Amino acid sequence: MIPENRLEILLTQALAHQKTNCLYHNTNEENFSLYQDHFCDRNRIPRQTKIKLEGHSDEVWFIEFSHNGKFLASASRDTTAIIWSLEVFFIF
């Protein structure tokens, strides 16, 4: 016997697979179609520097955004970590 809602689960998994395998996926848009393969254009990825954060004296090895997107933490080879407030640069 086929479990209840099995088709819905399979379709959800197929959509998640398309999103995961999209090399240039850069959108929260959830309007995918199973009629064709999902594809994000490479040109949708930002390629211009908008803000340059200066504070480390050596290369940055790790960055992470806060869950609310208002802070950015960076760790550097110079053994320092900086928490940047992005509210200074962007209006939320």
PDB file of N, CA and C in Angstrom:
ATOM      1  N   MET A   1       0.832  -1.179   0.000  1.00  0.00           N
ATOM      2  CA  MET A   1       0.000   0.000   0.000  1.00  0.00           C
ATOM      3  C   MET A   1       0.881   1.248   0.000  1.00  0.00           C
ATOM      4  N   ILE A   2       0.536   2.233  -0.781  1.00  0.00           N
ATOM      5  CA  ILE A   2       1.285   3.492  -0.859  1.00  0.00           C
ATOM      6  C   ILE A   2       0.903   4.370   0.324  1.00  0.00           C
ATOM      7  N   PRO A   3       1.915   4.900   1.033  1.00  0.00           N
ATOM      8  CA  PRO A   3       1.616   5.764   2.183  1.00  0.00           C
ATOM      9  C   PRO A   3       0.853   7.014   1.757  1.00  0.00           C
ATOM     10  N   GLU A   4       0.090   7.538   2.690  1.00  0.00           N
ATOM     11  CA  GLU A   4      -0.701   8.741   2.435  1.00  0.00           C
ATOM     12  C   GLU A   4       0.224   9.922   2.137  1.00  0.00           C
ATOM     13  N   ASN A   5      -0.144  10.756   1.198  1.00  0.00           N
ATOM     14  CA  ASN A   5       0.592  11.959   0.787  1.00  0.00           C
ATOM     15  C   ASN A   5       1.951  11.650   0.160  1.00  0.00           C
ATOM     16  N   ARG A   6       2.159  10.443  -0.321  1.00  0.00           N
ATOM     17  CA  ARG A   6       3.459  10.065  -0.885  1.00  0.00           C
ATOM     18  C   ARG A   6       3.807  10.890  -2.114  1.00  0.00           C
ATOM     19  N   LEU A   7       2.844  11.152  -2.991  1.00  0.00           N
ATOM     20  CA  LEU A   7       3.118  11.939  -4.198  1.00  0.00           C
ATOM     21  C   LEU A   7       3.546  13.354  -3.829  1.00  0.00           C
ATOM     22  N   GLU A   8       2.881  13.950  -2.866  1.00  0.00           N
ATOM     23  CA  GLU A   8       3.236  15.302  -2.432  1.00  0.00           C
ATOM     24  C   GLU A   8       4.666  15.331  -1.881  1.00  0.00           C
ATOM     25  N   ILE A   9       5.033  14.329  -1.108  1.00  0.00           N
ATOM     26  CA  ILE A   9       6.385  14.243  -0.550  1.00  0.00           C
ATOM     27  C   ILE A   9       7.412  14.108  -1.672  1.00  0.00           C
ATOM     28  N   LEU A  10       7.140  13.262  -2.650  1.00  0.00           N
ATOM     29  CA  LEU A  10       8.066  13.077  -3.770  1.00  0.00           C
ATOM     30  C   LEU A  10       8.237  14.354  -4.582  1.00  0.00           C
ATOM     31  N   LEU A  11       7.154  15.071  -4.806  1.00  0.00           N
ATOM     32  CA  LEU A  11       7.237  16.325  -5.564  1.00  0.00           C
ATOM     33  C   LEU A  11       8.013  17.391  -4.782  1.00  0.00           C
ATOM     34  N   THR A  12       7.795  17.455  -3.476  1.00  0.00           N
ATOM     35  CA  THR A  12       8.544  18.396  -2.635  1.00  0.00           C
ATOM     36  C   THR A  12      10.035  18.077  -2.665  1.00  0.00           C
ATOM     37  N   GLN A  13      10.363  16.791  -2.615  1.00  0.00           N
ATOM     38  CA  GLN A  13      11.764  16.380  -2.690  1.00  0.00           C
ATOM     39  C   GLN A  13      12.375  16.721  -4.051  1.00  0.00           C
ATOM     40  N   ALA A  14      11.614  16.561  -5.113  1.00  0.00           N
ATOM     41  CA  ALA A  14      12.109  16.888  -6.451  1.00  0.00           C
ATOM     42  C   ALA A  14      12.402  18.377  -6.574  1.00  0.00           C
ATOM     43  N   LEU A  15      11.548  19.205  -6.017  1.00  0.00           N
ATOM     44  CA  LEU A  15      11.775  20.655  -6.054  1.00  0.00           C
ATOM     45  C   LEU A  15      12.991  21.039  -5.218  1.00  0.00           C
ATOM     46  N   ALA A  16      13.145  20.430  -4.050  1.00  0.00           N
ATOM     47  CA  ALA A  16      14.308  20.710  -3.202  1.00  0.00           C
ATOM     48  C   ALA A  16      15.597  20.279  -3.898  1.00  0.00           C
ATOM     49  N   HIS A  17      15.555  19.178  -4.616  1.00  0.00           N
ATOM     50  CA  HIS A  17      16.721  18.698  -5.363  1.00  0.00           C
ATOM     51  C   HIS A  17      17.116  19.701  -6.450  1.00  0.00           C
ATOM     52  N   GLN A  18      16.132  20.241  -7.156  1.00  0.00           N
ATOM     53  CA  GLN A  18      16.400  21.245  -8.193  1.00  0.00           C
ATOM     54  C   GLN A  18      17.088  22.472  -7.579  1.00  0.00           C
ATOM     55  N   LYS A  19      16.572  22.931  -6.454  1.00  0.00           N
ATOM     56  CA  LYS A  19      17.124  24.114  -5.798  1.00  0.00           C
ATOM     57  C   LYS A  19      18.547  23.852  -5.299  1.00  0.00           C
ATOM     58  N   THR A  20      18.774  22.700  -4.709  1.00  0.00           N
ATOM     59  CA  THR A  20      20.084  22.353  -4.167  1.00  0.00           C
ATOM     60  C   THR A  20      21.141  22.244  -5.262  1.00  0.00           C
ATOM     61  N   ASN A  21      20.763  21.765  -6.421  1.00  0.00           N
ATOM     62  CA  ASN A  21      21.720  21.552  -7.502  1.00  0.00           C
ATOM     63  C   ASN A  21      21.868  22.737  -8.444  1.00  0.00           C
ATOM     64  N   CYS A  22      21.210  23.854  -8.132  1.00  0.00           N
ATOM     65  CA  CYS A  22      21.333  25.061  -8.946  1.00  0.00           C
ATOM     66  C   CYS A  22      22.621  25.780  -8.558  1.00  0.00           C
ATOM     67  N   LEU A  23      23.582  25.814  -9.453  1.00  0.00           N
ATOM     68  CA  LEU A  23      24.910  26.351  -9.172  1.00  0.00           C
ATOM     69  C   LEU A  23      24.887  27.821  -8.769  1.00  0.00           C
ATOM     70  N   TYR A  24      24.014  28.622  -9.364  1.00  0.00           N
ATOM     71  CA  TYR A  24      23.992  30.064  -9.110  1.00  0.00           C
ATOM     72  C   TYR A  24      22.725  30.492  -8.372  1.00  0.00           C
ATOM     73  N   HIS A  25      22.142  29.606  -7.591  1.00  0.00           N
ATOM     74  CA  HIS A  25      20.885  29.922  -6.916  1.00  0.00           C
ATOM     75  C   HIS A  25      21.105  31.047  -5.916  1.00  0.00           C
ATOM     76  N   ASN A  26      20.390  32.144  -6.100  1.00  0.00           N
ATOM     77  CA  ASN A  26      20.556  33.333  -5.270  1.00  0.00           C
ATOM     78  C   ASN A  26      19.211  34.031  -5.092  1.00  0.00           C
ATOM     79  N   THR A  27      18.196  33.278  -4.732  1.00  0.00           N
ATOM     80  CA  THR A  27      16.881  33.864  -4.578  1.00  0.00           C
ATOM     81  C   THR A  27      16.086  33.074  -3.551  1.00  0.00           C
ATOM     82  N   ASN A  28      15.145  33.743  -2.900  1.00  0.00           N
ATOM     83  CA  ASN A  28      14.231  33.066  -1.986  1.00  0.00           C
ATOM     84  C   ASN A  28      12.961  32.655  -2.707  1.00  0.00           C
ATOM     85  N   GLU A  29      12.905  32.923  -3.976  1.00  0.00           N
ATOM     86  CA  GLU A  29      11.734  32.606  -4.773  1.00  0.00           C
ATOM     87  C   GLU A  29      11.467  31.112  -4.739  1.00  0.00           C
ATOM     88  N   GLU A  30      10.235  30.744  -4.466  1.00  0.00           N
ATOM     89  CA  GLU A  30       9.870  29.335  -4.363  1.00  0.00           C
ATOM     90  C   GLU A  30       9.007  28.886  -5.536  1.00  0.00           C
ATOM     91  N   ASN A  31       8.875  29.686  -6.565  1.00  0.00           N
ATOM     92  CA  ASN A  31       8.034  29.344  -7.712  1.00  0.00           C
ATOM     93  C   ASN A  31       8.799  28.500  -8.718  1.00  0.00           C
ATOM     94  N   PHE A  32       9.008  27.242  -8.392  1.00  0.00           N
ATOM     95  CA  PHE A  32       9.670  26.324  -9.299  1.00  0.00           C
ATOM     96  C   PHE A  32       8.615  25.515 -10.026  1.00  0.00           C
ATOM     97  N   SER A  33       8.981  25.006 -11.147  1.00  0.00           N
ATOM     98  CA  SER A  33       8.077  24.163 -11.917  1.00  0.00           C
ATOM     99  C   SER A  33       8.772  22.851 -12.228  1.00  0.00           C
ATOM    100  N   LEU A  34       8.046  21.777 -12.180  1.00  0.00           N
ATOM    101  CA  LEU A  34       8.609  20.481 -12.545  1.00  0.00           C
ATOM    102  C   LEU A  34       8.508  20.235 -14.053  1.00  0.00           C
ATOM    103  N   TYR A  35       7.925  21.173 -14.792  1.00  0.00           N
ATOM    104  CA  TYR A  35       7.828  21.038 -16.241  1.00  0.00           C
ATOM    105  C   TYR A  35       9.176  21.259 -16.922  1.00  0.00           C
ATOM    106  N   GLN A  36      10.082  21.943 -16.239  1.00  0.00           N
ATOM    107  CA  GLN A  36      11.416  22.164 -16.781  1.00  0.00           C
ATOM    108  C   GLN A  36      12.427  22.223 -15.645  1.00  0.00           C
ATOM    109  N   ASP A  37      13.689  22.002 -15.956  1.00  0.00           N
ATOM    110  CA  ASP A  37      14.739  22.055 -14.949  1.00  0.00           C
ATOM    111  C   ASP A  37      14.933  23.484 -14.475  1.00  0.00           C
ATOM    112  N   HIS A  38      15.147  23.643 -13.167  1.00  0.00           N
ATOM    113  CA  HIS A  38      15.376  24.971 -12.601  1.00  0.00           C
ATOM    114  C   HIS A  38      16.790  25.432 -12.952  1.00  0.00           C
ATOM    115  N   PHE A  39      16.917  26.702 -13.300  1.00  0.00           N
ATOM    116  CA  PHE A  39      18.204  27.266 -13.687  1.00  0.00           C
ATOM    117  C   PHE A  39      18.232  28.738 -13.312  1.00  0.00           C
ATOM    118  N   CYS A  40      19.226  29.137 -12.539  1.00  0.00           N
ATOM    119  CA  CYS A  40      19.442  30.559 -12.232  1.00  0.00           C
ATOM    120  C   CYS A  40      20.580  31.061 -13.111  1.00  0.00           C
ATOM    121  N   ASP A  41      20.383  32.207 -13.690  1.00  0.00           N
ATOM    122  CA  ASP A  41      21.389  32.803 -14.562  1.00  0.00           C
ATOM    123  C   ASP A  41      22.566  33.311 -13.725  1.00  0.00           C
ATOM    124  N   ARG A  42      23.759  33.092 -14.219  1.00  0.00           N
ATOM    125  CA  ARG A  42      24.976  33.536 -13.538  1.00  0.00           C
ATOM    126  C   ARG A  42      24.981  35.046 -13.307  1.00  0.00           C
ATOM    127  N   ASN A  43      24.333  35.799 -14.164  1.00  0.00           N
ATOM    128  CA  ASN A  43      24.315  37.262 -14.056  1.00  0.00           C
ATOM    129  C   ASN A  43      23.499  37.768 -12.869  1.00  0.00           C
ATOM    130  N   ARG A  44      22.751  36.890 -12.196  1.00  0.00           N
ATOM    131  CA  ARG A  44      21.974  37.301 -11.024  1.00  0.00           C
ATOM    132  C   ARG A  44      22.848  37.418  -9.778  1.00  0.00           C
ATOM    133  N   ILE A  45      24.070  36.900  -9.830  1.00  0.00           N
ATOM    134  CA  ILE A  45      24.991  36.981  -8.704  1.00  0.00           C
ATOM    135  C   ILE A  45      25.661  38.361  -8.737  1.00  0.00           C
ATOM    136  N   PRO A  46      25.595  39.115  -7.635  1.00  0.00           N
ATOM    137  CA  PRO A  46      26.240  40.441  -7.616  1.00  0.00           C
ATOM    138  C   PRO A  46      27.745  40.316  -7.856  1.00  0.00           C
ATOM    139  N   ARG A  47      28.269  41.209  -8.692  1.00  0.00           N
ATOM    140  CA  ARG A  47      29.687  41.157  -9.031  1.00  0.00           C
ATOM    141  C   ARG A  47      30.407  42.471  -8.792  1.00  0.00           C
ATOM    142  N   GLN A  48      29.735  43.430  -8.192  1.00  0.00           N
ATOM    143  CA  GLN A  48      30.362  44.715  -7.907  1.00  0.00           C
ATOM    144  C   GLN A  48      30.469  44.908  -6.402  1.00  0.00           C
ATOM    145  N   THR A  49      31.585  45.432  -5.955  1.00  0.00           N
ATOM    146  CA  THR A  49      31.784  45.714  -4.541  1.00  0.00           C
ATOM    147  C   THR A  49      30.932  46.915  -4.160  1.00  0.00           C
ATOM    148  N   LYS A  50      30.103  46.741  -3.154  1.00  0.00           N
ATOM    149  CA  LYS A  50      29.243  47.831  -2.685  1.00  0.00           C
ATOM    150  C   LYS A  50      29.820  48.487  -1.438  1.00  0.00           C
ATOM    151  N   ILE A  51      30.388  47.678  -0.551  1.00  0.00           N
ATOM    152  CA  ILE A  51      30.936  48.175   0.703  1.00  0.00           C
ATOM    153  C   ILE A  51      32.227  47.419   0.983  1.00  0.00           C
ATOM    154  N   LYS A  52      33.230  48.127   1.449  1.00  0.00           N
ATOM    155  CA  LYS A  52      34.484  47.500   1.828  1.00  0.00           C
ATOM    156  C   LYS A  52      34.663  47.691   3.327  1.00  0.00           C
ATOM    157  N   LEU A  53      34.672  46.586   4.062  1.00  0.00           N
ATOM    158  CA  LEU A  53      34.849  46.634   5.506  1.00  0.00           C
ATOM    159  C   LEU A  53      36.331  46.469   5.814  1.00  0.00           C
ATOM    160  N   GLU A  54      36.907  47.453   6.457  1.00  0.00           N
ATOM    161  CA  GLU A  54      38.328  47.419   6.769  1.00  0.00           C
ATOM    162  C   GLU A  54      38.501  47.390   8.279  1.00  0.00           C
ATOM    163  N   GLY A  55      39.332  46.485   8.768  1.00  0.00           N
ATOM    164  CA  GLY A  55      39.559  46.388  10.193  1.00  0.00           C
ATOM    165  C   GLY A  55      40.544  45.289  10.529  1.00  0.00           C
ATOM    166  N   HIS A  56      40.669  44.307   9.688  1.00  0.00           N
ATOM    167  CA  HIS A  56      41.624  43.225   9.903  1.00  0.00           C
ATOM    168  C   HIS A  56      42.956  43.597   9.245  1.00  0.00           C
ATOM    169  N   SER A  57      44.044  43.122   9.836  1.00  0.00           N
ATOM    170  CA  SER A  57      45.361  43.416   9.270  1.00  0.00           C
ATOM    171  C   SER A  57      45.897  42.263   8.425  1.00  0.00           C
ATOM    172  N   ASP A  58      45.114  41.178   8.299  1.00  0.00           N
ATOM    173  CA  ASP A  58      45.522  40.034   7.487  1.00  0.00           C
ATOM    174  C   ASP A  58      44.261  39.467   6.828  1.00  0.00           C
ATOM    175  N   GLU A  59      44.409  38.396   6.085  1.00  0.00           N
ATOM    176  CA  GLU A  59      43.290  37.847   5.322  1.00  0.00           C
ATOM    177  C   GLU A  59      42.190  37.318   6.241  1.00  0.00           C
ATOM    178  N   VAL A  60      40.956  37.462   5.780  1.00  0.00           N
ATOM    179  CA  VAL A  60      39.792  36.985   6.521  1.00  0.00           C
ATOM    180  C   VAL A  60      39.566  35.528   6.149  1.00  0.00           C
ATOM    181  N   TRP A  61      39.408  34.700   7.168  1.00  0.00           N
ATOM    182  CA  TRP A  61      39.251  33.265   6.934  1.00  0.00           C
ATOM    183  C   TRP A  61      37.813  32.798   7.071  1.00  0.00           C
ATOM    184  N   PHE A  62      36.975  33.547   7.774  1.00  0.00           N
ATOM    185  CA  PHE A  62      35.626  33.081   8.033  1.00  0.00           C
ATOM    186  C   PHE A  62      34.695  34.263   8.234  1.00  0.00           C
ATOM    187  N   ILE A  63      33.496  34.179   7.666  1.00  0.00           N
ATOM    188  CA  ILE A  63      32.451  35.173   7.925  1.00  0.00           C
ATOM    189  C   ILE A  63      31.135  34.444   8.149  1.00  0.00           C
ATOM    190  N   GLU A  64      30.265  35.067   8.915  1.00  0.00           N
ATOM    191  CA  GLU A  64      28.951  34.492   9.190  1.00  0.00           C
ATOM    192  C   GLU A  64      27.977  35.616   9.504  1.00  0.00           C
ATOM    193  N   PHE A  65      26.788  35.585   8.874  1.00  0.00           N
ATOM    194  CA  PHE A  65      25.741  36.558   9.155  1.00  0.00           C
ATOM    195  C   PHE A  65      24.929  36.100  10.355  1.00  0.00           C
ATOM    196  N   SER A  66      24.408  37.058  11.107  1.00  0.00           N
ATOM    197  CA  SER A  66      23.492  36.720  12.192  1.00  0.00           C
ATOM    198  C   SER A  66      22.175  36.248  11.588  1.00  0.00           C
ATOM    199  N   HIS A  67      21.354  35.596  12.390  1.00  0.00           N
ATOM    200  CA  HIS A  67      20.091  35.068  11.887  1.00  0.00           C
ATOM    201  C   HIS A  67      19.152  36.171  11.402  1.00  0.00           C
ATOM    202  N   ASN A  68      19.213  37.343  12.005  1.00  0.00           N
ATOM    203  CA  ASN A  68      18.345  38.438  11.573  1.00  0.00           C
ATOM    204  C   ASN A  68      18.967  39.265  10.452  1.00  0.00           C
ATOM    205  N   GLY A  69      20.215  38.965  10.071  1.00  0.00           N
ATOM    206  CA  GLY A  69      20.863  39.653   8.963  1.00  0.00           C
ATOM    207  C   GLY A  69      21.391  41.035   9.285  1.00  0.00           C
ATOM    208  N   LYS A  70      21.374  41.422  10.548  1.00  0.00           N
ATOM    209  CA  LYS A  70      21.800  42.769  10.917  1.00  0.00           C
ATOM    210  C   LYS A  70      23.261  42.852  11.353  1.00  0.00           C
ATOM    211  N   PHE A  71      23.896  41.703  11.532  1.00  0.00           N
ATOM    212  CA  PHE A  71      25.289  41.677  11.969  1.00  0.00           C
ATOM    213  C   PHE A  71      26.082  40.698  11.113  1.00  0.00           C
ATOM    214  N   LEU A  72      27.371  40.979  10.988  1.00  0.00           N
ATOM    215  CA  LEU A  72      28.291  40.107  10.276  1.00  0.00           C
ATOM    216  C   LEU A  72      29.505  39.903  11.170  1.00  0.00           C
ATOM    217  N   ALA A  73      29.860  38.653  11.427  1.00  0.00           N
ATOM    218  CA  ALA A  73      31.047  38.344  12.212  1.00  0.00           C
ATOM    219  C   ALA A  73      32.140  37.892  11.261  1.00  0.00           C
ATOM    220  N   SER A  74      33.352  38.377  11.476  1.00  0.00           N
ATOM    221  CA  SER A  74      34.481  37.970  10.643  1.00  0.00           C
ATOM    222  C   SER A  74      35.646  37.573  11.537  1.00  0.00           C
ATOM    223  N   ALA A  75      36.338  36.514  11.126  1.00  0.00           N
ATOM    224  CA  ALA A  75      37.523  36.049  11.853  1.00  0.00           C
ATOM    225  C   ALA A  75      38.684  36.056  10.870  1.00  0.00           C
ATOM    226  N   SER A  76      39.840  36.514  11.352  1.00  0.00           N
ATOM    227  CA  SER A  76      40.974  36.735  10.475  1.00  0.00           C
ATOM    228  C   SER A  76      42.197  35.948  10.900  1.00  0.00           C
ATOM    229  N   ARG A  77      43.112  35.838   9.974  1.00  0.00           N
ATOM    230  CA  ARG A  77      44.404  35.214  10.248  1.00  0.00           C
ATOM    231  C   ARG A  77      45.185  36.000  11.301  1.00  0.00           C
ATOM    232  N   ASP A  78      44.863  37.272  11.453  1.00  0.00           N
ATOM    233  CA  ASP A  78      45.544  38.095  12.455  1.00  0.00           C
ATOM    234  C   ASP A  78      45.052  37.819  13.880  1.00  0.00           C
ATOM    235  N   THR A  79      44.278  36.757  14.051  1.00  0.00           N
ATOM    236  CA  THR A  79      43.738  36.279  15.338  1.00  0.00           C
ATOM    237  C   THR A  79      42.731  37.231  15.966  1.00  0.00           C
ATOM    238  N   THR A  80      42.060  38.023  15.151  1.00  0.00           N
ATOM    239  CA  THR A  80      41.008  38.897  15.668  1.00  0.00           C
ATOM    240  C   THR A  80      39.667  38.484  15.071  1.00  0.00           C
ATOM    241  N   ALA A  81      38.634  38.810  15.798  1.00  0.00           N
ATOM    242  CA  ALA A  81      37.263  38.625  15.325  1.00  0.00           C
ATOM    243  C   ALA A  81      36.557  39.964  15.482  1.00  0.00           C
ATOM    244  N   ILE A  82      35.768  40.322  14.474  1.00  0.00           N
ATOM    245  CA  ILE A  82      35.040  41.595  14.503  1.00  0.00           C
ATOM    246  C   ILE A  82      33.578  41.301  14.228  1.00  0.00           C
ATOM    247  N   ILE A  83      32.705  41.919  15.001  1.00  0.00           N
ATOM    248  CA  ILE A  83      31.270  41.843  14.731  1.00  0.00           C
ATOM    249  C   ILE A  83      30.861  43.189  14.167  1.00  0.00           C
ATOM    250  N   TRP A  84      30.445  43.174  12.913  1.00  0.00           N
ATOM    251  CA  TRP A  84      30.073  44.383  12.183  1.00  0.00           C
ATOM    252  C   TRP A  84      28.566  44.590  12.295  1.00  0.00           C
ATOM    253  N   SER A  85      28.140  45.809  12.582  1.00  0.00           N
ATOM    254  CA  SER A  85      26.722  46.144  12.568  1.00  0.00           C
ATOM    255  C   SER A  85      26.378  46.621  11.165  1.00  0.00           C
ATOM    256  N   LEU A  86      25.560  45.862  10.472  1.00  0.00           N
ATOM    257  CA  LEU A  86      25.223  46.213   9.097  1.00  0.00           C
ATOM    258  C   LEU A  86      24.141  47.283   9.026  1.00  0.00           C
ATOM    259  N   GLU A  87      23.523  47.600  10.162  1.00  0.00           N
ATOM    260  CA  GLU A  87      22.524  48.671  10.171  1.00  0.00           C
ATOM    261  C   GLU A  87      23.147  50.013   9.813  1.00  0.00           C
ATOM    262  N   VAL A  88      24.438  50.140  10.007  1.00  0.00           N
ATOM    263  CA  VAL A  88      25.166  51.352   9.639  1.00  0.00           C
ATOM    264  C   VAL A  88      25.189  51.515   8.128  1.00  0.00           C
ATOM    265  N   PHE A  89      25.250  50.404   7.388  1.00  0.00           N
ATOM    266  CA  PHE A  89      25.405  50.429   5.939  1.00  0.00           C
ATOM    267  C   PHE A  89      24.093  50.277   5.181  1.00  0.00           C
ATOM    268  N   PHE A  90      23.113  49.589   5.782  1.00  0.00           N
ATOM    269  CA  PHE A  90      21.849  49.303   5.093  1.00  0.00           C
ATOM    270  C   PHE A  90      20.679  49.703   5.963  1.00  0.00           C
ATOM    271  N   ILE A  91      19.574  50.035   5.345  1.00  0.00           N
ATOM    272  CA  ILE A  91      18.339  50.315   6.064  1.00  0.00           C
ATOM    273  C   ILE A  91      17.497  49.045   6.024  1.00  0.00           C
ATOM    274  N   PHE A  92      17.106  48.542   7.208  1.00  0.00           N
ATOM    275  CA  PHE A  92      16.323  47.313   7.276  1.00  0.00           C
ATOM    276  C   PHE A  92      14.857  47.631   7.429  1.00  0.00           C
TER     277      PHE A  92
END
